[in-house]
Protein backbone atom coordinates (compact mmCIF):
# COMPACT_ATOMS: atom_id res chain seq x y z
CA MET A 1 0.00 0.00 0.00
CA ASN A 2 2.82 2.39 0.63
CA ARG A 3 4.24 1.84 -2.79
CA PRO A 4 1.71 3.92 -4.77
CA ASP A 5 2.20 6.86 -2.38
CA ILE A 6 5.95 6.78 -2.90
CA TRP A 7 5.55 6.50 -6.63
CA GLY A 8 3.17 9.52 -6.64
CA MET A 9 5.63 11.47 -4.55
CA ASP A 10 8.46 10.63 -6.94
CA VAL A 11 6.40 11.84 -9.89
CA PHE A 12 5.60 15.01 -8.04
CA LEU A 13 9.24 15.63 -7.12
CA ASP A 14 10.41 14.91 -10.67
CA THR A 15 7.78 17.24 -12.07
CA PHE A 16 8.69 19.87 -9.51
CA ARG A 17 12.39 19.59 -10.38
CA LEU A 18 11.61 20.16 -14.03
CA VAL A 19 8.93 22.84 -13.70
CA PHE A 20 10.39 24.96 -10.87
CA PRO A 21 13.57 26.02 -12.72
CA SER A 22 11.49 26.75 -15.81
CA LEU A 23 9.17 28.93 -13.75
CA LEU A 24 12.14 30.77 -12.26
CA ILE A 25 13.59 31.36 -15.72
CA LEU A 26 10.20 32.47 -17.01
CA ILE A 27 9.81 34.96 -14.14
CA ALA A 28 13.37 36.26 -14.62
CA VAL A 29 12.83 36.70 -18.37
CA TYR A 30 9.50 38.41 -17.77
CA LEU A 31 11.07 40.85 -15.28
CA MET A 32 13.99 41.55 -17.60
CA MET A 33 11.73 42.12 -20.61
CA SER A 34 9.35 44.27 -18.59
CA ASN A 35 12.27 46.38 -17.36
CA TYR A 36 13.66 46.61 -20.90
CA PHE A 37 10.32 47.76 -22.36
CA ASP A 38 9.81 50.27 -19.54
CA ASN A 39 13.27 51.73 -20.14
CA GLU A 40 12.70 51.76 -23.88
CA ASP A 41 9.39 53.57 -23.38
CA LYS A 42 11.06 56.14 -21.11
CA ARG A 43 13.84 56.63 -23.66
CA ARG A 44 11.35 57.17 -26.48
CA LYS A 45 9.37 59.65 -24.39
CA ALA A 46 12.57 61.53 -23.52
CA GLU A 47 13.54 61.67 -27.20
CA TYR A 48 10.05 62.89 -28.09
CA ARG A 49 10.22 65.62 -25.42
CA ALA A 50 13.68 66.66 -26.56
CA HIS A 51 12.50 66.79 -30.18
CA ASN A 52 9.48 68.90 -29.20
CA GLN A 53 11.64 71.23 -27.15
CA ARG A 54 14.01 71.71 -30.08
CA GLN A 55 11.05 72.59 -32.28
CA ALA A 56 9.38 74.79 -29.65
CA LEU A 57 12.53 76.73 -28.79
CA PRO A 58 12.35 79.06 -31.81
CA LEU A 59 8.64 79.63 -31.16
CA ARG A 60 9.28 80.46 -27.51
CA LEU A 61 12.10 82.84 -28.40
CA GLN A 62 9.87 84.48 -30.97
CA ALA A 63 7.15 84.89 -28.33
CA TYR A 64 9.60 86.57 -25.96
CA GLU A 65 10.76 88.86 -28.77
CA ARG A 66 7.21 89.76 -29.77
CA LEU A 67 6.19 90.52 -26.19
CA ALA A 68 9.31 92.62 -25.67
CA LEU A 69 8.41 94.54 -28.82
CA PHE A 70 4.81 94.89 -27.60
CA LEU A 71 6.00 96.35 -24.29
CA GLU A 72 8.28 98.77 -26.10
CA ARG A 73 5.53 99.79 -28.52
CA ILE A 74 3.04 100.65 -25.76
CA SER A 75 5.50 102.71 -23.72
CA PRO A 76 4.52 106.40 -23.88
CA SER A 77 7.52 107.62 -25.85
CA SER A 78 7.14 104.98 -28.56
CA LEU A 79 3.34 105.12 -28.60
CA LEU A 80 3.25 108.89 -29.02
CA VAL A 81 5.78 108.80 -31.86
CA ARG A 82 3.77 106.16 -33.74
CA VAL A 83 0.30 107.60 -33.09
CA LYS A 84 0.32 111.26 -34.08
CA SER A 85 -2.13 113.65 -32.41
CA GLY A 86 -2.58 115.89 -35.41
CA SER A 87 -5.42 118.34 -34.78
CA MET A 88 -7.40 115.97 -32.55
CA THR A 89 -9.01 116.86 -29.28
CA ASN A 90 -7.86 115.32 -26.02
CA GLY A 91 -10.76 112.84 -26.07
CA GLU A 92 -10.24 111.79 -29.68
CA TYR A 93 -6.53 111.28 -29.17
CA LEU A 94 -7.15 109.33 -25.98
CA VAL A 95 -9.46 106.93 -27.83
CA LEU A 96 -6.91 106.53 -30.61
CA LEU A 97 -4.10 105.77 -28.14
CA GLN A 98 -6.27 103.27 -26.27
CA LYS A 99 -7.15 101.57 -29.55
CA ALA A 100 -3.48 101.37 -30.51
CA ILE A 101 -2.64 99.65 -27.22
CA ARG A 102 -5.63 97.32 -27.49
CA ASP A 103 -4.76 96.38 -31.08
CA GLU A 104 -1.14 95.68 -30.17
CA PHE A 105 -2.27 93.53 -27.24
CA GLU A 106 -4.79 91.55 -29.29
CA HIS A 107 -2.15 90.97 -31.95
CA ASN A 108 0.08 89.33 -29.33
CA LEU A 109 -2.50 87.40 -27.29
CA SER A 110 -1.41 84.02 -28.60
CA GLN A 111 2.11 84.48 -27.23
CA GLN A 112 0.89 83.69 -23.73
CA ILE A 113 1.05 79.96 -24.42
CA TYR A 114 4.84 80.13 -24.76
CA ILE A 115 5.65 82.03 -21.57
CA SER A 116 5.01 81.52 -17.86
CA ASP A 117 1.77 82.66 -16.29
CA GLU A 118 3.72 85.00 -14.03
CA VAL A 119 5.33 86.90 -16.90
CA TRP A 120 2.05 86.98 -18.80
CA GLU A 121 0.45 88.62 -15.76
CA TYR A 122 3.18 91.26 -15.82
CA VAL A 123 2.48 91.91 -19.51
CA VAL A 124 -1.29 92.21 -18.90
CA THR A 125 -0.68 94.44 -15.88
CA ALA A 126 1.65 96.67 -17.91
CA LYS A 127 -0.97 97.04 -20.62
CA SER A 128 -3.68 97.87 -18.09
CA ALA A 129 -1.40 100.30 -16.27
CA MET A 130 -0.58 102.12 -19.50
CA VAL A 131 -4.29 102.47 -20.34
CA SER A 132 -4.90 103.68 -16.80
CA LEU A 133 -2.07 106.21 -17.12
CA LEU A 134 -3.59 107.49 -20.36
CA ASN A 135 -6.99 107.86 -18.72
CA THR A 136 -5.61 109.56 -15.60
CA VAL A 137 -3.49 112.07 -17.50
CA SER A 138 -6.31 112.82 -19.92
CA ALA A 139 -8.77 113.40 -17.09
CA GLN A 140 -6.40 115.90 -15.45
CA LEU A 141 -6.28 118.14 -18.54
CA GLU A 142 -8.46 121.16 -19.12
CA PRO A 143 -11.76 120.53 -20.99
CA GLY A 144 -10.54 122.21 -24.18
CA ALA A 145 -7.17 120.40 -24.26
CA THR A 146 -5.83 119.15 -27.56
CA GLY A 147 -4.18 115.88 -28.49
CA ALA A 148 -0.83 117.68 -28.39
CA ASP A 149 -1.56 118.71 -24.78
CA LEU A 150 -2.29 115.10 -23.91
CA SER A 151 0.91 114.01 -25.62
CA ARG A 152 3.02 116.49 -23.62
CA ALA A 153 1.27 115.62 -20.35
CA LEU A 154 1.82 111.89 -20.96
CA LEU A 155 5.52 112.39 -21.61
CA ASN A 156 5.84 114.48 -18.44
CA ALA A 157 3.95 111.88 -16.38
CA ALA A 158 6.14 109.09 -17.79
CA MET A 159 9.33 111.01 -16.92
CA GLU A 160 8.11 111.51 -13.37
CA MET A 161 7.53 107.81 -12.86
CA LYS A 162 10.30 105.90 -11.17
CA GLN A 163 9.74 102.91 -13.46
CA LEU A 164 7.15 102.53 -16.17
CA PRO A 165 4.96 99.42 -15.93
CA THR A 166 6.24 98.37 -19.34
CA GLN A 167 9.82 98.51 -18.05
CA ALA A 168 8.93 96.36 -15.03
CA ALA A 169 7.26 93.77 -17.26
CA LEU A 170 10.19 93.84 -19.68
CA LYS A 171 12.56 93.25 -16.78
CA HIS A 172 10.62 90.11 -15.75
CA LEU A 173 10.43 88.97 -19.36
CA LYS A 174 14.21 89.26 -19.75
CA ALA A 175 14.75 87.43 -16.44
CA GLU A 176 12.62 84.53 -17.61
CA VAL A 177 14.50 84.35 -20.90
CA ALA A 178 17.80 84.32 -19.00
CA ASP A 179 16.54 81.54 -16.70
CA GLU A 180 15.20 79.45 -19.57
CA PHE A 181 18.17 79.70 -21.88
């Protein structure tokens, strides 16, 4: 009676001796292949990111350049040279200057996707501050003031300011460019 039990145990041990090393090899191969494919996937993703960064770099630099130009164009000295007052009244010239700033801003809206949110906030704040400066200076003029009066008053107000909002935004823009590149 004991003989069949021993024979069954021998079969089990023989099977175990054959299957166990195969299972160990199978597990080792699986772990190695899994690790290989994970590393390969990480490598491909890194290459893809590097490729995208190489392609995005010129676009980002162009965005920084365009926003720097925008900030320069809406500064009082540049704005007043580009937008002539002619024989306009204070109110007419104010509307024309506001439109010039708004148009410049709208032209550069898409650049925000290439820069940090912080710098974009500085750009938006600079634009708003320049419009506010225009409104404040215009409101302080006499009722019969001309566009030329507004132009002179704006230049005087800009010279009295310690730092124009456009200069502060440009400073942050340049700092981000220096940090990025």
